[in-house]
Amino acid sequence: MSTGALRAHLLASRLAGPVATSREESLRSYRLFAARDPRVLLGLEPQWRWGEGDLLRLMADRCGVSADPAHVSGPDVIDPERTLAALEAFAARLGEAARVRSPVLFGTGHPHRLLAFYAGLARALSAVGCVVLTPAQGVHVDMATRFGVRGHRIDYVRGVALVREPGARPPVSATGAHTHSPLPVRVALGALAEAGGPLPELVVGDHGWVCGAGQLGVEAIGLADTDDPALFVGEAEGRVAVTVPLDDGVSSDFYRPLVRYVLGRAGLPWRQEWP
């Protein structure tokens, strides 16, 4: 896929351009982050003092959202050129991991949307000799949700970590639960350390998987929406290597062309039957 074709796809699918995430949602997240609310810190412990204005300027720079604080409603906007530039850096880091056969951990808090995207990348890295790690499978994790603290278990689908809530009914149980928590990646990394096995040289994912890994000093790259300032702050502070701005809540099919594009830019194999 050419860069021009991907740009057109980003806009047509609303992965970039005017996105479904509202300005109200984004500004609310910036307010909560400035107040150090753990629900939006995603496991990151900011080193710098980030006020709402600082966050708005950062997100305007990294995502292309409006920097005007008087703009308080309507759809938010992601600049597709910023998405494309970040995808180049994302692909370069995957290519580097492939060249040195790095052990890699994939994890998502958006399994309903992003599982196939990460699974395609995991398949390609595995095909060239990278170890795709699957630590702590089946381990129980207690996580805070909007309904209180609930037990979940770590699981892997096609090499991608996610969490499931025991007893959840399909379709939720089919792909896993939506979560922002950094606890799963902490448990996964802790299990690897305890076992004395190889630790990941790269974590690929979103939400708490990226911020939680970066906070622990593990190189991490991932995707983030306009209402996820933590990944962009982590990137600005040097604890997240690459953050790709795009809408993380559209149909899962819309992320599939990104697999082919990223693998092509990374110099990695891609096959029609892969996600």
C-alpha atoms as a PDB file:
ATOM      1  CA  MET A   1       0.000   0.000   0.000  1.00  0.00           C
ATOM      2  CA  SER A   2       1.350   3.415  -0.966  1.00  0.00           C
ATOM      3  CA  THR A   3       1.504   6.336   1.444  1.00  0.00           C
ATOM      4  CA  GLY A   4      -1.111   8.162  -0.619  1.00  0.00           C
ATOM      5  CA  ALA A   5      -3.467   5.187  -0.509  1.00  0.00           C
ATOM      6  CA  LEU A   6      -3.046   4.850   3.233  1.00  0.00           C
ATOM      7  CA  ARG A   7      -3.676   8.571   3.744  1.00  0.00           C
ATOM      8  CA  ALA A   8      -6.924   8.217   1.805  1.00  0.00           C
ATOM      9  CA  HIS A   9      -7.865   5.178   3.893  1.00  0.00           C
ATOM     10  CA  LEU A  10      -7.141   6.994   7.163  1.00  0.00           C
ATOM     11  CA  LEU A  11      -9.498   9.789   6.182  1.00  0.00           C
ATOM     12  CA  ALA A  12     -12.215   7.580   4.685  1.00  0.00           C
ATOM     13  CA  SER A  13     -12.327   5.306   7.734  1.00  0.00           C
ATOM     14  CA  ARG A  14     -12.020   8.238  10.171  1.00  0.00           C
ATOM     15  CA  LEU A  15      -8.900   6.801  11.707  1.00  0.00           C
ATOM     16  CA  ALA A  16      -7.586  10.322  11.173  1.00  0.00           C
ATOM     17  CA  GLY A  17      -9.111  13.625  10.154  1.00  0.00           C
ATOM     18  CA  PRO A  18     -12.342  14.345  12.073  1.00  0.00           C
ATOM     19  CA  VAL A  19     -12.669  11.344  14.394  1.00  0.00           C
ATOM     20  CA  ALA A  20     -15.463   9.881  16.505  1.00  0.00           C
ATOM     21  CA  THR A  21     -13.743  10.875  19.757  1.00  0.00           C
ATOM     22  CA  SER A  22     -15.354  14.114  20.861  1.00  0.00           C
ATOM     23  CA  ARG A  23     -13.583  17.277  21.921  1.00  0.00           C
ATOM     24  CA  GLU A  24     -15.424  17.017  25.233  1.00  0.00           C
ATOM     25  CA  GLU A  25     -13.935  13.546  25.862  1.00  0.00           C
ATOM     26  CA  SER A  26     -10.444  14.729  25.033  1.00  0.00           C
ATOM     27  CA  LEU A  27     -10.596  17.830  27.238  1.00  0.00           C
ATOM     28  CA  ARG A  28     -12.005  15.783  30.109  1.00  0.00           C
ATOM     29  CA  SER A  29      -9.041  13.403  29.838  1.00  0.00           C
ATOM     30  CA  TYR A  30      -6.609  16.335  29.885  1.00  0.00           C
ATOM     31  CA  ARG A  31      -8.254  17.698  33.041  1.00  0.00           C
ATOM     32  CA  LEU A  32      -8.059  14.298  34.733  1.00  0.00           C
ATOM     33  CA  PHE A  33      -4.455  13.790  33.673  1.00  0.00           C
ATOM     34  CA  ALA A  34      -3.465  17.209  35.026  1.00  0.00           C
ATOM     35  CA  ALA A  35      -5.063  16.141  38.322  1.00  0.00           C
ATOM     36  CA  ARG A  36      -3.017  12.891  38.234  1.00  0.00           C
ATOM     37  CA  ASP A  37      -6.117  10.690  38.053  1.00  0.00           C
ATOM     38  CA  PRO A  38      -4.863   7.081  37.732  1.00  0.00           C
ATOM     39  CA  ARG A  39      -7.684   6.247  35.328  1.00  0.00           C
ATOM     40  CA  VAL A  40      -5.980   8.279  32.608  1.00  0.00           C
ATOM     41  CA  LEU A  41      -2.325   7.974  33.722  1.00  0.00           C
ATOM     42  CA  LEU A  42      -2.389   4.359  32.453  1.00  0.00           C
ATOM     43  CA  GLY A  43       0.495   3.413  34.726  1.00  0.00           C
ATOM     44  CA  LEU A  44       2.674   6.388  33.828  1.00  0.00           C
ATOM     45  CA  GLU A  45       4.170   8.486  36.616  1.00  0.00           C
ATOM     46  CA  PRO A  46       4.833  11.852  34.920  1.00  0.00           C
ATOM     47  CA  GLN A  47       8.172  13.433  35.736  1.00  0.00           C
ATOM     48  CA  TRP A  48       7.117  16.910  34.646  1.00  0.00           C
ATOM     49  CA  ARG A  49       4.226  19.040  35.825  1.00  0.00           C
ATOM     50  CA  TRP A  50       1.533  18.895  33.158  1.00  0.00           C
ATOM     51  CA  GLY A  51      -1.282  21.427  33.346  1.00  0.00           C
ATOM     52  CA  GLU A  52      -4.299  21.366  31.062  1.00  0.00           C
ATOM     53  CA  GLY A  53      -2.751  23.999  28.818  1.00  0.00           C
ATOM     54  CA  ASP A  54       0.492  22.053  28.568  1.00  0.00           C
ATOM     55  CA  LEU A  55      -1.389  18.927  27.578  1.00  0.00           C
ATOM     56  CA  LEU A  56      -3.466  20.749  24.995  1.00  0.00           C
ATOM     57  CA  ARG A  57      -0.314  22.146  23.387  1.00  0.00           C
ATOM     58  CA  LEU A  58       1.332  18.721  23.438  1.00  0.00           C
ATOM     59  CA  MET A  59      -1.675  17.049  21.838  1.00  0.00           C
ATOM     60  CA  ALA A  60      -1.906  19.777  19.211  1.00  0.00           C
ATOM     61  CA  ASP A  61       1.741  19.146  18.373  1.00  0.00           C
ATOM     62  CA  ARG A  62       1.632  15.336  18.401  1.00  0.00           C
ATOM     63  CA  CYS A  63      -1.926  14.708  17.123  1.00  0.00           C
ATOM     64  CA  GLY A  64      -3.045  17.863  15.363  1.00  0.00           C
ATOM     65  CA  VAL A  65      -6.001  18.621  17.634  1.00  0.00           C
ATOM     66  CA  SER A  66      -6.995  22.264  17.918  1.00  0.00           C
ATOM     67  CA  ALA A  67      -4.769  24.208  20.304  1.00  0.00           C
ATOM     68  CA  ASP A  68      -7.572  26.700  20.954  1.00  0.00           C
ATOM     69  CA  PRO A  69      -8.863  26.242  24.533  1.00  0.00           C
ATOM     70  CA  ALA A  70     -12.101  27.950  23.483  1.00  0.00           C
ATOM     71  CA  HIS A  71     -12.830  25.033  21.152  1.00  0.00           C
ATOM     72  CA  VAL A  72     -14.776  22.841  23.556  1.00  0.00           C
ATOM     73  CA  SER A  73     -17.232  20.756  21.516  1.00  0.00           C
ATOM     74  CA  GLY A  74     -17.662  18.722  18.382  1.00  0.00           C
ATOM     75  CA  PRO A  75     -15.489  15.957  16.906  1.00  0.00           C
ATOM     76  CA  ASP A  76     -11.796  16.040  17.614  1.00  0.00           C
ATOM     77  CA  VAL A  77      -9.263  15.972  14.788  1.00  0.00           C
ATOM     78  CA  ILE A  78      -6.115  13.959  14.078  1.00  0.00           C
ATOM     79  CA  ASP A  79      -3.757  15.199  11.391  1.00  0.00           C
ATOM     80  CA  PRO A  80      -3.170  12.265   8.988  1.00  0.00           C
ATOM     81  CA  GLU A  81       0.338  13.534   8.245  1.00  0.00           C
ATOM     82  CA  ARG A  82       1.230  13.093  11.901  1.00  0.00           C
ATOM     83  CA  THR A  83      -0.243   9.597  11.834  1.00  0.00           C
ATOM     84  CA  LEU A  84       1.792   8.701   8.753  1.00  0.00           C
ATOM     85  CA  ALA A  85       5.003  10.090  10.245  1.00  0.00           C
ATOM     86  CA  ALA A  86       4.472   8.135  13.466  1.00  0.00           C
ATOM     87  CA  LEU A  87       3.699   4.944  11.515  1.00  0.00           C
ATOM     88  CA  GLU A  88       7.072   5.326   9.792  1.00  0.00           C
ATOM     89  CA  ALA A  89       8.812   5.431  13.170  1.00  0.00           C
ATOM     90  CA  PHE A  90       6.652   2.561  14.440  1.00  0.00           C
ATOM     91  CA  ALA A  91       7.556   0.440  11.400  1.00  0.00           C
ATOM     92  CA  ALA A  92      11.245   1.296  11.740  1.00  0.00           C
ATOM     93  CA  ARG A  93      11.263   0.043  15.325  1.00  0.00           C
ATOM     94  CA  LEU A  94       9.553  -3.215  14.304  1.00  0.00           C
ATOM     95  CA  GLY A  95      12.087  -3.637  11.512  1.00  0.00           C
ATOM     96  CA  GLU A  96      14.920  -3.183  13.986  1.00  0.00           C
ATOM     97  CA  ALA A  97      13.398  -5.791  16.297  1.00  0.00           C
ATOM     98  CA  ALA A  98      13.165  -8.203  13.364  1.00  0.00           C
ATOM     99  CA  ARG A  99      16.790  -7.681  12.336  1.00  0.00           C
ATOM    100  CA  VAL A 100      18.185  -8.535  15.773  1.00  0.00           C
ATOM    101  CA  ARG A 101      15.507 -11.161  16.565  1.00  0.00           C
ATOM    102  CA  SER A 102      14.296  -9.332  19.671  1.00  0.00           C
ATOM    103  CA  PRO A 103      11.837 -10.990  22.058  1.00  0.00           C
ATOM    104  CA  VAL A 104       8.614  -8.992  21.793  1.00  0.00           C
ATOM    105  CA  LEU A 105       5.456  -8.754  23.891  1.00  0.00           C
ATOM    106  CA  PHE A 106       2.156  -7.665  22.354  1.00  0.00           C
ATOM    107  CA  GLY A 107      -0.785  -6.535  24.493  1.00  0.00           C
ATOM    108  CA  THR A 108      -4.018  -4.635  23.998  1.00  0.00           C
ATOM    109  CA  GLY A 109      -6.699  -3.010  26.085  1.00  0.00           C
ATOM    110  CA  HIS A 110      -8.826  -2.703  22.920  1.00  0.00           C
ATOM    111  CA  PRO A 111      -9.170  -6.352  21.833  1.00  0.00           C
ATOM    112  CA  HIS A 112     -12.486  -5.828  20.054  1.00  0.00           C
ATOM    113  CA  ARG A 113     -10.877  -3.279  17.722  1.00  0.00           C
ATOM    114  CA  LEU A 114      -7.131  -3.817  17.599  1.00  0.00           C
ATOM    115  CA  LEU A 115      -6.521  -7.534  18.119  1.00  0.00           C
ATOM    116  CA  ALA A 116      -6.196  -8.347  14.412  1.00  0.00           C
ATOM    117  CA  PHE A 117      -3.776  -5.450  13.863  1.00  0.00           C
ATOM    118  CA  TYR A 118      -1.374  -6.648  16.549  1.00  0.00           C
ATOM    119  CA  ALA A 119      -1.847 -10.299  15.587  1.00  0.00           C
ATOM    120  CA  GLY A 120      -0.703  -9.563  12.049  1.00  0.00           C
ATOM    121  CA  LEU A 121       2.437  -7.890  13.341  1.00  0.00           C
ATOM    122  CA  ALA A 122       3.104 -10.715  15.795  1.00  0.00           C
ATOM    123  CA  ARG A 123       2.752 -13.300  13.023  1.00  0.00           C
ATOM    124  CA  ALA A 124       5.254 -11.469  10.833  1.00  0.00           C
ATOM    125  CA  LEU A 125       7.836 -11.070  13.596  1.00  0.00           C
ATOM    126  CA  SER A 126       7.466 -14.707  14.565  1.00  0.00           C
ATOM    127  CA  ALA A 127       7.979 -15.722  10.923  1.00  0.00           C
ATOM    128  CA  VAL A 128      11.413 -14.065  10.850  1.00  0.00           C
ATOM    129  CA  GLY A 129      12.591 -15.604  14.110  1.00  0.00           C
ATOM    130  CA  CYS A 130      11.507 -13.216  16.860  1.00  0.00           C
ATOM    131  CA  VAL A 131      10.195 -14.793  20.040  1.00  0.00           C
ATOM    132  CA  VAL A 132       6.659 -13.522  20.668  1.00  0.00           C
ATOM    133  CA  LEU A 133       6.344 -13.851  24.426  1.00  0.00           C
ATOM    134  CA  THR A 134       3.209 -15.134  26.203  1.00  0.00           C
ATOM    135  CA  PRO A 135       3.966 -14.851  29.937  1.00  0.00           C
ATOM    136  CA  ALA A 136       1.508 -15.243  32.813  1.00  0.00           C
ATOM    137  CA  GLN A 137      -1.157 -16.901  30.704  1.00  0.00           C
ATOM    138  CA  GLY A 138      -4.175 -17.680  32.853  1.00  0.00           C
ATOM    139  CA  VAL A 139      -2.900 -15.621  35.794  1.00  0.00           C
ATOM    140  CA  HIS A 140      -5.580 -13.830  37.806  1.00  0.00           C
ATOM    141  CA  VAL A 141      -5.442 -10.023  38.015  1.00  0.00           C
ATOM    142  CA  ASP A 142      -7.761  -7.835  40.131  1.00  0.00           C
ATOM    143  CA  MET A 143      -8.463  -4.601  38.259  1.00  0.00           C
ATOM    144  CA  ALA A 144     -10.551  -1.523  38.996  1.00  0.00           C
ATOM    145  CA  THR A 145     -13.511  -1.091  36.642  1.00  0.00           C
ATOM    146  CA  ARG A 146     -16.487   1.262  36.564  1.00  0.00           C
ATOM    147  CA  PHE A 147     -18.330  -1.432  38.543  1.00  0.00           C
ATOM    148  CA  GLY A 148     -15.625  -1.747  41.202  1.00  0.00           C
ATOM    149  CA  VAL A 149     -12.645  -4.091  41.497  1.00  0.00           C
ATOM    150  CA  ARG A 150     -13.182  -7.235  39.468  1.00  0.00           C
ATOM    151  CA  GLY A 151     -11.072 -10.292  38.797  1.00  0.00           C
ATOM    152  CA  HIS A 152      -9.726 -10.893  35.305  1.00  0.00           C
ATOM    153  CA  ARG A 153      -7.307 -13.373  33.818  1.00  0.00           C
ATOM    154  CA  ILE A 154      -4.525 -12.799  31.325  1.00  0.00           C
ATOM    155  CA  ASP A 155      -4.946 -14.670  28.055  1.00  0.00           C
ATOM    156  CA  TYR A 156      -3.340 -14.693  24.605  1.00  0.00           C
ATOM    157  CA  VAL A 157      -4.998 -14.785  21.205  1.00  0.00           C
ATOM    158  CA  ARG A 158      -2.677 -15.238  18.206  1.00  0.00           C
ATOM    159  CA  GLY A 159       0.239 -14.022  20.289  1.00  0.00           C
ATOM    160  CA  VAL A 160      -1.492 -10.920  21.657  1.00  0.00           C
ATOM    161  CA  ALA A 161      -2.124 -10.474  25.378  1.00  0.00           C
ATOM    162  CA  LEU A 162      -5.531  -9.355  26.637  1.00  0.00           C
ATOM    163  CA  VAL A 163      -7.633  -9.833  29.730  1.00  0.00           C
ATOM    164  CA  ARG A 164     -10.915 -11.644  30.139  1.00  0.00           C
ATOM    165  CA  GLU A 165     -13.452 -11.304  32.897  1.00  0.00           C
ATOM    166  CA  PRO A 166     -14.338 -14.793  34.162  1.00  0.00           C
ATOM    167  CA  GLY A 167     -17.914 -15.643  33.345  1.00  0.00           C
ATOM    168  CA  ALA A 168     -18.267 -12.914  30.718  1.00  0.00           C
ATOM    169  CA  ARG A 169     -20.747 -13.826  28.015  1.00  0.00           C
ATOM    170  CA  PRO A 170     -20.040 -13.689  24.286  1.00  0.00           C
ATOM    171  CA  PRO A 171     -19.159 -11.560  22.401  1.00  0.00           C
ATOM    172  CA  VAL A 172     -17.167 -10.046  25.291  1.00  0.00           C
ATOM    173  CA  SER A 173     -15.596 -13.369  26.254  1.00  0.00           C
ATOM    174  CA  ALA A 174     -14.683 -14.079  22.630  1.00  0.00           C
ATOM    175  CA  THR A 175     -12.062 -11.336  22.383  1.00  0.00           C
ATOM    176  CA  GLY A 176     -11.522  -9.989  25.880  1.00  0.00           C
ATOM    177  CA  ALA A 177     -12.283  -6.936  27.973  1.00  0.00           C
ATOM    178  CA  HIS A 178     -11.597  -3.278  27.319  1.00  0.00           C
ATOM    179  CA  THR A 179      -9.141  -1.956  29.887  1.00  0.00           C
ATOM    180  CA  HIS A 180      -6.773   0.938  30.561  1.00  0.00           C
ATOM    181  CA  SER A 181      -5.029  -0.837  33.440  1.00  0.00           C
ATOM    182  CA  PRO A 182      -1.228  -1.239  33.594  1.00  0.00           C
ATOM    183  CA  LEU A 183      -1.555  -4.195  35.991  1.00  0.00           C
ATOM    184  CA  PRO A 184      -1.571  -6.917  33.285  1.00  0.00           C
ATOM    185  CA  VAL A 185       1.766  -5.841  31.805  1.00  0.00           C
ATOM    186  CA  ARG A 186       3.276  -5.523  35.274  1.00  0.00           C
ATOM    187  CA  VAL A 187       2.169  -9.079  36.067  1.00  0.00           C
ATOM    188  CA  ALA A 188       3.418 -10.368  32.706  1.00  0.00           C
ATOM    189  CA  LEU A 189       6.831  -8.740  33.092  1.00  0.00           C
ATOM    190  CA  GLY A 190       7.063  -9.898  36.690  1.00  0.00           C
ATOM    191  CA  ALA A 191       6.352 -13.485  35.631  1.00  0.00           C
ATOM    192  CA  LEU A 192       9.144 -13.342  33.056  1.00  0.00           C
ATOM    193  CA  ALA A 193      11.597 -11.939  35.583  1.00  0.00           C
ATOM    194  CA  GLU A 194      10.675 -14.577  38.156  1.00  0.00           C
ATOM    195  CA  ALA A 195      11.068 -17.372  35.605  1.00  0.00           C
ATOM    196  CA  GLY A 196      14.479 -16.099  34.570  1.00  0.00           C
ATOM    197  CA  GLY A 197      13.488 -16.196  30.905  1.00  0.00           C
ATOM    198  CA  PRO A 198      14.112 -13.548  28.261  1.00  0.00           C
ATOM    199  CA  LEU A 199      12.519 -10.188  28.952  1.00  0.00           C
ATOM    200  CA  PRO A 200      10.946  -8.333  26.046  1.00  0.00           C
ATOM    201  CA  GLU A 201      13.175  -5.873  24.277  1.00  0.00           C
ATOM    202  CA  LEU A 202      10.025  -4.291  22.874  1.00  0.00           C
ATOM    203  CA  VAL A 203       6.393  -4.066  24.003  1.00  0.00           C
ATOM    204  CA  VAL A 204       3.807  -3.245  21.342  1.00  0.00           C
ATOM    205  CA  GLY A 205       0.260  -2.258  22.213  1.00  0.00           C
ATOM    206  CA  ASP A 206      -1.878   0.484  23.689  1.00  0.00           C
ATOM    207  CA  HIS A 207      -3.198   1.930  26.949  1.00  0.00           C
ATOM    208  CA  GLY A 208      -1.642   0.421  30.076  1.00  0.00           C
ATOM    209  CA  TRP A 209       0.409  -2.123  28.148  1.00  0.00           C
ATOM    210  CA  VAL A 210       2.539   0.664  26.674  1.00  0.00           C
ATOM    211  CA  CYS A 211       2.615   3.106  29.583  1.00  0.00           C
ATOM    212  CA  GLY A 212       3.047   0.368  32.164  1.00  0.00           C
ATOM    213  CA  ALA A 213       5.981  -1.131  30.261  1.00  0.00           C
ATOM    214  CA  GLY A 214       7.571   2.238  29.585  1.00  0.00           C
ATOM    215  CA  GLN A 215       7.320   3.199  33.237  1.00  0.00           C
ATOM    216  CA  LEU A 216       9.256   0.030  34.098  1.00  0.00           C
ATOM    217  CA  GLY A 217      11.997   0.878  31.624  1.00  0.00           C
ATOM    218  CA  VAL A 218      10.996  -1.487  28.817  1.00  0.00           C
ATOM    219  CA  GLU A 219      10.957   0.060  25.350  1.00  0.00           C
ATOM    220  CA  ALA A 220       7.361   0.403  24.180  1.00  0.00           C
ATOM    221  CA  ILE A 221       5.534   1.586  21.077  1.00  0.00           C
ATOM    222  CA  GLY A 222       1.816   1.902  20.522  1.00  0.00           C
ATOM    223  CA  LEU A 223      -1.354   3.521  19.271  1.00  0.00           C
ATOM    224  CA  ALA A 224      -3.333   6.249  21.032  1.00  0.00           C
ATOM    225  CA  ASP A 225      -6.436   8.350  20.503  1.00  0.00           C
ATOM    226  CA  THR A 226      -6.900  12.051  21.253  1.00  0.00           C
ATOM    227  CA  ASP A 227      -8.266  11.225  24.710  1.00  0.00           C
ATOM    228  CA  ASP A 228      -5.191   9.158  25.687  1.00  0.00           C
ATOM    229  CA  PRO A 229      -2.629  11.825  26.602  1.00  0.00           C
ATOM    230  CA  ALA A 230      -0.560   9.444  28.743  1.00  0.00           C
ATOM    231  CA  LEU A 231       1.176   7.791  25.783  1.00  0.00           C
ATOM    232  CA  PHE A 232       2.070  11.161  24.270  1.00  0.00           C
ATOM    233  CA  VAL A 233       3.362  12.421  27.612  1.00  0.00           C
ATOM    234  CA  GLY A 234       5.390   9.233  27.949  1.00  0.00           C
ATOM    235  CA  GLU A 235       6.845   9.867  24.504  1.00  0.00           C
ATOM    236  CA  ALA A 236       7.648  13.494  25.356  1.00  0.00           C
ATOM    237  CA  GLU A 237       9.359  12.419  28.577  1.00  0.00           C
ATOM    238  CA  GLY A 238      11.317   9.619  26.897  1.00  0.00           C
ATOM    239  CA  ARG A 239       9.583   6.546  28.346  1.00  0.00           C
ATOM    240  CA  VAL A 240       7.504   5.650  25.282  1.00  0.00           C
ATOM    241  CA  ALA A 241       9.502   5.265  22.079  1.00  0.00           C
ATOM    242  CA  VAL A 242       6.731   5.854  19.504  1.00  0.00           C
ATOM    243  CA  THR A 243       3.073   6.825  19.802  1.00  0.00           C
ATOM    244  CA  VAL A 244       0.889   6.701  16.690  1.00  0.00           C
ATOM    245  CA  PRO A 245      -2.102   9.062  16.829  1.00  0.00           C
ATOM    246  CA  LEU A 246      -5.291   7.523  15.454  1.00  0.00           C
ATOM    247  CA  ASP A 247      -8.831   6.703  16.500  1.00  0.00           C
ATOM    248  CA  ASP A 248      -8.634   3.440  18.459  1.00  0.00           C
ATOM    249  CA  GLY A 249     -12.359   2.699  18.420  1.00  0.00           C
ATOM    250  CA  VAL A 250     -13.416   2.187  14.791  1.00  0.00           C
ATOM    251  CA  SER A 251     -14.303  -1.134  13.147  1.00  0.00           C
ATOM    252  CA  SER A 252     -11.532  -3.720  13.423  1.00  0.00           C
ATOM    253  CA  ASP A 253     -11.518  -4.183   9.648  1.00  0.00           C
ATOM    254  CA  PHE A 254     -10.288  -0.617   9.174  1.00  0.00           C
ATOM    255  CA  TYR A 255      -6.986  -1.425  10.906  1.00  0.00           C
ATOM    256  CA  ARG A 256      -6.139  -4.312   8.584  1.00  0.00           C
ATOM    257  CA  PRO A 257      -4.646  -2.137   5.799  1.00  0.00           C
ATOM    258  CA  LEU A 258      -2.298  -0.681   8.410  1.00  0.00           C
ATOM    259  CA  VAL A 259      -0.832  -4.159   8.971  1.00  0.00           C
ATOM    260  CA  ARG A 260       0.210  -4.454   5.339  1.00  0.00           C
ATOM    261  CA  TYR A 261       1.547  -0.891   5.262  1.00  0.00           C
ATOM    262  CA  VAL A 262       3.576  -1.179   8.486  1.00  0.00           C
ATOM    263  CA  LEU A 263       5.058  -4.539   7.531  1.00  0.00           C
ATOM    264  CA  GLY A 264       5.999  -3.206   4.119  1.00  0.00           C
ATOM    265  CA  ARG A 265       7.725  -0.177   5.597  1.00  0.00           C
ATOM    266  CA  ALA A 266       9.476  -2.426   8.126  1.00  0.00           C
ATOM    267  CA  GLY A 267      10.703  -4.793   5.411  1.00  0.00           C
ATOM    268  CA  LEU A 268       8.771  -7.688   6.926  1.00  0.00           C
ATOM    269  CA  PRO A 269       6.791 -10.424   5.184  1.00  0.00           C
ATOM    270  CA  TRP A 270       3.059 -10.127   4.644  1.00  0.00           C
ATOM    271  CA  ARG A 271       0.694 -12.786   3.394  1.00  0.00           C
ATOM    272  CA  GLN A 272      -2.865 -12.464   2.186  1.00  0.00           C
ATOM    273  CA  GLU A 273      -4.192 -14.931   4.745  1.00  0.00           C
ATOM    274  CA  TRP A 274      -2.705 -13.015   7.671  1.00  0.00           C
ATOM    275  CA  PRO A 275      -4.872 -10.588   9.689  1.00  0.00           C
END
